[in-house]
Amino acid sequence: MEMERIARWAFIAFVFIAVVMGLVLGYMGYNNDPNYADINGWLTLVLLVLGILIGLVSITVQEVQPFLIAAIALIVASSSNVWLPLDKIHGLLYWWATQILSYITAFAAPAAVIIAIKGVLKIAKD
C-alpha cells in the first residue's frame, strides 16, 4: 500500500515538473534560445524514463481503463494542431500550450504503453 501512495505522489510531481518545464522551455523556444534544443531533448528523455517507471509500479487494476483513455486523449490532443490559434493571440501562449502538453504526453505515453502491455499479458494469462 505504501508503494502505491509513493507512486501517486510521484505521478503528481512528474505532472507538475512537466507543467513547470513546459512554461520554462516554452519561453526559451519562443525567444529562440540556443540551449532550447539540448534541454528539450534531455527533459523529454527524463520524462520518458519516469513514465516507464510510473507505468511499471503505479497504476492499479481499477485505474487502467481511465488512465489509458486519458493517455489516448493527451496523445491525440498533442498530435493535432489545435493550439495554433493561440499564436494569433500571442506566440508565447502557443509555445506554452504545446510544450506543456508535449511534456505531459512524453511522460504519460510510455506509462500507457507499459500499462497496455501489462493488460494484454493479463488477458492472455487468463
Protein backbone atom coordinates (compact mmCIF):
# COMPACT_ATOMS: atom_id res chain seq x y z
CA MET A 1 0.00 0.00 0.00
CA GLU A 2 2.86 2.38 0.79
CA MET A 3 4.35 1.92 -2.69
CA GLU A 4 1.04 2.94 -4.31
CA ARG A 5 0.94 6.13 -2.24
CA ILE A 6 4.51 6.99 -3.17
CA ALA A 7 3.75 6.29 -6.83
CA ARG A 8 0.68 8.56 -6.73
CA TRP A 9 2.71 11.44 -5.30
CA ALA A 10 5.44 10.76 -7.83
CA PHE A 11 2.88 10.94 -10.63
CA ILE A 12 1.61 14.29 -9.35
CA ALA A 13 5.18 15.56 -9.01
CA PHE A 14 6.06 14.49 -12.56
CA VAL A 15 3.00 16.26 -13.98
CA PHE A 16 3.98 19.36 -12.00
CA ILE A 17 7.52 19.12 -13.41
CA ALA A 18 6.11 18.76 -16.93
CA VAL A 19 3.96 21.88 -16.49
CA VAL A 20 6.74 24.00 -14.98
CA MET A 21 9.32 22.90 -17.53
CA GLY A 22 6.76 23.43 -20.30
CA LEU A 23 6.46 27.03 -19.19
CA VAL A 24 10.25 27.45 -18.95
CA LEU A 25 11.11 25.76 -22.22
CA GLY A 26 8.12 27.32 -23.98
CA TYR A 27 9.58 30.70 -23.09
CA MET A 28 13.01 29.57 -24.28
CA GLY A 29 11.60 28.30 -27.57
CA TYR A 30 9.62 31.47 -28.11
CA ASN A 31 12.80 33.53 -27.65
CA ASN A 32 14.90 31.23 -29.89
CA ASP A 33 17.27 30.39 -27.03
CA PRO A 34 20.26 28.43 -28.40
CA ASN A 35 20.10 25.98 -25.47
CA TYR A 36 16.46 25.10 -26.14
CA ALA A 37 17.08 22.02 -28.30
CA ASP A 38 19.53 20.39 -25.89
CA ILE A 39 17.43 21.00 -22.79
CA ASN A 40 14.26 19.92 -24.61
CA GLY A 41 15.88 16.64 -25.66
CA TRP A 42 17.19 15.82 -22.19
CA LEU A 43 13.94 16.74 -20.48
CA THR A 44 11.94 14.60 -22.89
CA LEU A 45 14.26 11.67 -22.23
CA VAL A 46 13.93 12.09 -18.46
CA LEU A 47 10.13 12.27 -18.70
CA LEU A 48 10.07 9.15 -20.88
CA VAL A 49 12.08 7.21 -18.30
CA LEU A 50 9.88 8.49 -15.46
CA GLY A 51 6.79 7.50 -17.44
CA ILE A 52 8.13 3.98 -17.82
CA LEU A 53 8.76 3.79 -14.06
CA ILE A 54 5.24 5.01 -13.27
CA GLY A 55 3.79 2.52 -15.74
CA LEU A 56 5.63 -0.30 -14.02
CA VAL A 57 4.69 0.48 -10.42
CA SER A 58 1.85 2.97 -10.15
CA ILE A 59 -1.40 2.11 -11.85
CA THR A 60 -3.80 -0.29 -10.13
CA VAL A 61 -6.26 -2.57 -11.91
CA GLN A 62 -9.15 -0.17 -11.26
CA GLU A 63 -7.21 2.73 -12.81
CA VAL A 64 -6.14 1.03 -16.05
CA GLN A 65 -9.10 1.96 -18.25
CA PRO A 66 -9.42 5.61 -17.12
CA PHE A 67 -5.66 6.10 -17.40
CA LEU A 68 -5.49 4.65 -20.89
CA ILE A 69 -8.44 6.78 -22.05
CA ALA A 70 -6.79 9.89 -20.62
CA ALA A 71 -3.47 8.97 -22.24
CA ILE A 72 -5.17 8.50 -25.61
CA ALA A 73 -6.84 11.90 -25.27
CA LEU A 74 -3.49 13.52 -24.43
CA ILE A 75 -1.72 11.89 -27.35
CA VAL A 76 -4.45 12.91 -29.81
CA ALA A 77 -4.52 16.48 -28.48
CA SER A 78 -0.76 16.82 -28.65
CA SER A 79 -0.56 15.46 -32.18
CA SER A 80 -3.18 17.84 -33.55
CA ASN A 81 -2.70 21.50 -34.27
CA VAL A 82 -5.50 22.80 -32.04
CA TRP A 83 -3.18 25.28 -30.33
CA LEU A 84 -2.34 27.22 -33.49
CA PRO A 85 -4.99 29.93 -32.89
CA LEU A 86 -3.13 30.84 -29.69
CA ASP A 87 -0.29 32.02 -31.91
CA LYS A 88 -2.64 34.69 -33.27
CA ILE A 89 -3.25 36.00 -29.74
CA HIS A 90 0.38 35.82 -28.62
CA GLY A 91 3.14 33.50 -29.76
CA LEU A 92 4.21 32.72 -26.21
CA LEU A 93 0.80 31.25 -25.39
CA TYR A 94 1.18 28.84 -28.29
CA TRP A 95 4.65 27.80 -27.16
CA TRP A 96 3.49 27.29 -23.57
CA ALA A 97 0.47 25.21 -24.55
CA THR A 98 2.39 22.98 -26.95
CA GLN A 99 5.36 22.48 -24.62
CA ILE A 100 3.25 21.66 -21.57
CA LEU A 101 1.14 19.17 -23.50
CA SER A 102 4.23 17.73 -25.15
CA TYR A 103 5.93 17.07 -21.82
CA ILE A 104 2.84 15.62 -20.18
CA THR A 105 2.46 13.35 -23.20
CA ALA A 106 6.16 12.41 -23.08
CA PHE A 107 5.51 11.28 -19.54
CA ALA A 108 2.07 9.66 -20.00
CA ALA A 109 2.64 7.84 -23.31
CA PRO A 110 5.31 5.39 -22.11
CA ALA A 111 3.30 4.75 -18.95
CA ALA A 112 0.28 3.98 -21.14
CA VAL A 113 2.30 1.60 -23.30
CA ILE A 114 3.59 -0.29 -20.25
CA ILE A 115 0.09 -0.45 -18.74
CA ALA A 116 -1.43 -1.62 -22.02
CA ILE A 117 1.20 -4.36 -22.33
CA LYS A 118 0.54 -5.43 -18.75
CA GLY A 119 -3.19 -5.53 -19.53
CA VAL A 120 -2.69 -7.64 -22.66
CA LEU A 121 -0.45 -10.04 -20.75
CA LYS A 122 -3.08 -10.35 -18.01
CA ILE A 123 -5.78 -11.07 -20.61
CA ALA A 124 -3.54 -13.66 -22.31
CA LYS A 125 -2.78 -15.29 -18.96
CA ASP A 126 -6.47 -15.57 -18.08
